[in-house]
Amino acid sequence: MNWEDRTADYYIRKVFRQWDMGDFATEIDVEKAYRLLAGDFICRLTSSIKYKKGTLTLKFMAAALRQEMTLRRESLREKINDEIGYEAVKKIVIL
């Protein structure tokens, strides 16, 4: 990565990791990737997004969406990890 490619976001994450706040930086990365991959409509129906120690917990307002996301959770996990560039999400829990 060239110094021209580095944004303020890059440096903020670097500081978080140096201050042993890596989980917070990872939480931001995971939530940002989920919102990008899920899209606006699904994000509006997602009432809660929580990440802690490798587990992403998603809570949905619609039962049909909850069922669909339960079936697709493994592919979603892979896509999120691909988007952020490292394997942060080990498991997805759907509520």
C-alpha atoms as a PDB file:
ATOM      1  CA  MET A   1       0.000   0.000   0.000  1.00  0.00           C
ATOM      2  CA  ASN A   2       1.417   3.374  -0.996  1.00  0.00           C
ATOM      3  CA  TRP A   3       1.296   6.286   1.373  1.00  0.00           C
ATOM      4  CA  GLU A   4      -1.059   8.020  -1.098  1.00  0.00           C
ATOM      5  CA  ASP A   5      -3.572   5.181  -0.653  1.00  0.00           C
ATOM      6  CA  ARG A   6      -3.724   5.530   3.117  1.00  0.00           C
ATOM      7  CA  THR A   7      -6.719   7.421   4.402  1.00  0.00           C
ATOM      8  CA  ALA A   8      -7.598   8.774   7.820  1.00  0.00           C
ATOM      9  CA  ASP A   9      -9.612   5.585   8.301  1.00  0.00           C
ATOM     10  CA  TYR A  10      -6.426   3.523   7.860  1.00  0.00           C
ATOM     11  CA  TYR A  11      -4.587   5.507  10.530  1.00  0.00           C
ATOM     12  CA  ILE A  12      -7.487   5.426  12.984  1.00  0.00           C
ATOM     13  CA  ARG A  13      -7.611   1.619  12.743  1.00  0.00           C
ATOM     14  CA  LYS A  14      -3.843   1.450  13.187  1.00  0.00           C
ATOM     15  CA  VAL A  15      -4.055   3.536  16.384  1.00  0.00           C
ATOM     16  CA  PHE A  16      -6.900   1.345  17.723  1.00  0.00           C
ATOM     17  CA  ARG A  17      -4.789  -1.761  17.174  1.00  0.00           C
ATOM     18  CA  GLN A  18      -1.753  -0.164  18.854  1.00  0.00           C
ATOM     19  CA  TRP A  19      -3.846   0.797  21.875  1.00  0.00           C
ATOM     20  CA  ASP A  20      -5.121  -2.780  22.103  1.00  0.00           C
ATOM     21  CA  MET A  21      -8.561  -1.714  20.906  1.00  0.00           C
ATOM     22  CA  GLY A  22      -8.420  -4.068  17.919  1.00  0.00           C
ATOM     23  CA  ASP A  23     -11.844  -5.541  18.718  1.00  0.00           C
ATOM     24  CA  PHE A  24     -13.401  -2.103  18.359  1.00  0.00           C
ATOM     25  CA  ALA A  25     -11.726  -1.588  14.983  1.00  0.00           C
ATOM     26  CA  THR A  26     -12.818  -5.064  13.880  1.00  0.00           C
ATOM     27  CA  GLU A  27     -16.380  -4.360  15.010  1.00  0.00           C
ATOM     28  CA  ILE A  28     -16.423  -1.260  12.814  1.00  0.00           C
ATOM     29  CA  ASP A  29     -15.008  -3.216   9.852  1.00  0.00           C
ATOM     30  CA  VAL A  30     -17.562  -6.031  10.232  1.00  0.00           C
ATOM     31  CA  GLU A  31     -20.561  -3.708  10.571  1.00  0.00           C
ATOM     32  CA  LYS A  32     -19.450  -1.627   7.598  1.00  0.00           C
ATOM     33  CA  ALA A  33     -18.992  -4.769   5.459  1.00  0.00           C
ATOM     34  CA  TYR A  34     -22.404  -6.136   6.522  1.00  0.00           C
ATOM     35  CA  ARG A  35     -24.165  -2.896   5.603  1.00  0.00           C
ATOM     36  CA  LEU A  36     -22.407  -2.803   2.243  1.00  0.00           C
ATOM     37  CA  LEU A  37     -23.225  -6.437   1.401  1.00  0.00           C
ATOM     38  CA  ALA A  38     -26.772  -6.548   2.779  1.00  0.00           C
ATOM     39  CA  GLY A  39     -27.989  -3.402   1.087  1.00  0.00           C
ATOM     40  CA  ASP A  40     -30.341  -0.668   2.217  1.00  0.00           C
ATOM     41  CA  PHE A  41     -33.587  -2.675   2.391  1.00  0.00           C
ATOM     42  CA  ILE A  42     -32.196  -5.515   4.526  1.00  0.00           C
ATOM     43  CA  CYS A  43     -30.353  -3.046   6.769  1.00  0.00           C
ATOM     44  CA  ARG A  44     -33.644  -1.281   7.485  1.00  0.00           C
ATOM     45  CA  LEU A  45     -35.094  -4.611   8.618  1.00  0.00           C
ATOM     46  CA  THR A  46     -32.060  -5.399  10.779  1.00  0.00           C
ATOM     47  CA  SER A  47     -32.807  -4.198  14.297  1.00  0.00           C
ATOM     48  CA  SER A  48     -29.448  -5.105  15.841  1.00  0.00           C
ATOM     49  CA  ILE A  49     -25.895  -5.775  14.624  1.00  0.00           C
ATOM     50  CA  LYS A  50     -23.407  -6.854  17.288  1.00  0.00           C
ATOM     51  CA  TYR A  51     -19.919  -8.280  16.946  1.00  0.00           C
ATOM     52  CA  LYS A  52     -17.929  -9.777  19.791  1.00  0.00           C
ATOM     53  CA  LYS A  53     -14.950 -12.136  19.732  1.00  0.00           C
ATOM     54  CA  GLY A  54     -15.585 -13.664  16.325  1.00  0.00           C
ATOM     55  CA  THR A  55     -19.369 -13.905  16.598  1.00  0.00           C
ATOM     56  CA  LEU A  56     -21.661 -11.640  14.598  1.00  0.00           C
ATOM     57  CA  THR A  57     -25.184 -11.486  16.023  1.00  0.00           C
ATOM     58  CA  LEU A  58     -27.934 -10.170  13.758  1.00  0.00           C
ATOM     59  CA  LYS A  59     -31.507  -9.516  14.867  1.00  0.00           C
ATOM     60  CA  PHE A  60     -34.216  -9.066  12.248  1.00  0.00           C
ATOM     61  CA  MET A  61     -37.717  -7.592  12.451  1.00  0.00           C
ATOM     62  CA  ALA A  62     -39.254  -9.878   9.808  1.00  0.00           C
ATOM     63  CA  ALA A  63     -39.597 -13.639  10.326  1.00  0.00           C
ATOM     64  CA  ALA A  64     -39.259 -14.422   6.613  1.00  0.00           C
ATOM     65  CA  LEU A  65     -36.017 -12.454   6.396  1.00  0.00           C
ATOM     66  CA  ARG A  66     -34.759 -14.139   9.562  1.00  0.00           C
ATOM     67  CA  GLN A  67     -35.378 -17.558   7.968  1.00  0.00           C
ATOM     68  CA  GLU A  68     -33.696 -16.558   4.693  1.00  0.00           C
ATOM     69  CA  MET A  69     -30.643 -15.155   6.463  1.00  0.00           C
ATOM     70  CA  THR A  70     -30.382 -18.305   8.588  1.00  0.00           C
ATOM     71  CA  LEU A  71     -30.092 -20.325   5.392  1.00  0.00           C
ATOM     72  CA  ARG A  72     -27.507 -17.933   3.916  1.00  0.00           C
ATOM     73  CA  ARG A  73     -25.423 -17.207   7.009  1.00  0.00           C
ATOM     74  CA  GLU A  74     -22.370 -19.222   5.908  1.00  0.00           C
ATOM     75  CA  SER A  75     -22.115 -17.452   2.557  1.00  0.00           C
ATOM     76  CA  LEU A  76     -22.660 -14.109   4.320  1.00  0.00           C
ATOM     77  CA  ARG A  77     -19.838 -14.941   6.748  1.00  0.00           C
ATOM     78  CA  GLU A  78     -17.487 -15.715   3.853  1.00  0.00           C
ATOM     79  CA  LYS A  79     -18.440 -12.540   1.977  1.00  0.00           C
ATOM     80  CA  ILE A  80     -17.935 -10.336   5.052  1.00  0.00           C
ATOM     81  CA  ASN A  81     -14.503 -11.854   5.688  1.00  0.00           C
ATOM     82  CA  ASP A  82     -13.584 -11.402   2.012  1.00  0.00           C
ATOM     83  CA  GLU A  83     -14.752  -7.778   2.102  1.00  0.00           C
ATOM     84  CA  ILE A  84     -12.652  -6.834   5.136  1.00  0.00           C
ATOM     85  CA  GLY A  85      -9.662  -8.895   4.033  1.00  0.00           C
ATOM     86  CA  TYR A  86      -9.200 -11.150   7.055  1.00  0.00           C
ATOM     87  CA  GLU A  87     -11.206 -13.768   8.932  1.00  0.00           C
ATOM     88  CA  ALA A  88     -12.852 -11.813  11.715  1.00  0.00           C
ATOM     89  CA  VAL A  89     -16.272 -13.496  11.690  1.00  0.00           C
ATOM     90  CA  LYS A  90     -16.116 -17.120  12.789  1.00  0.00           C
ATOM     91  CA  LYS A  91     -19.839 -17.575  13.414  1.00  0.00           C
ATOM     92  CA  ILE A  92     -23.111 -15.754  12.685  1.00  0.00           C
ATOM     93  CA  VAL A  93     -26.050 -15.982  15.082  1.00  0.00           C
ATOM     94  CA  ILE A  94     -29.473 -15.008  13.731  1.00  0.00           C
ATOM     95  CA  LEU A  95     -32.160 -13.836  16.182  1.00  0.00           C
END
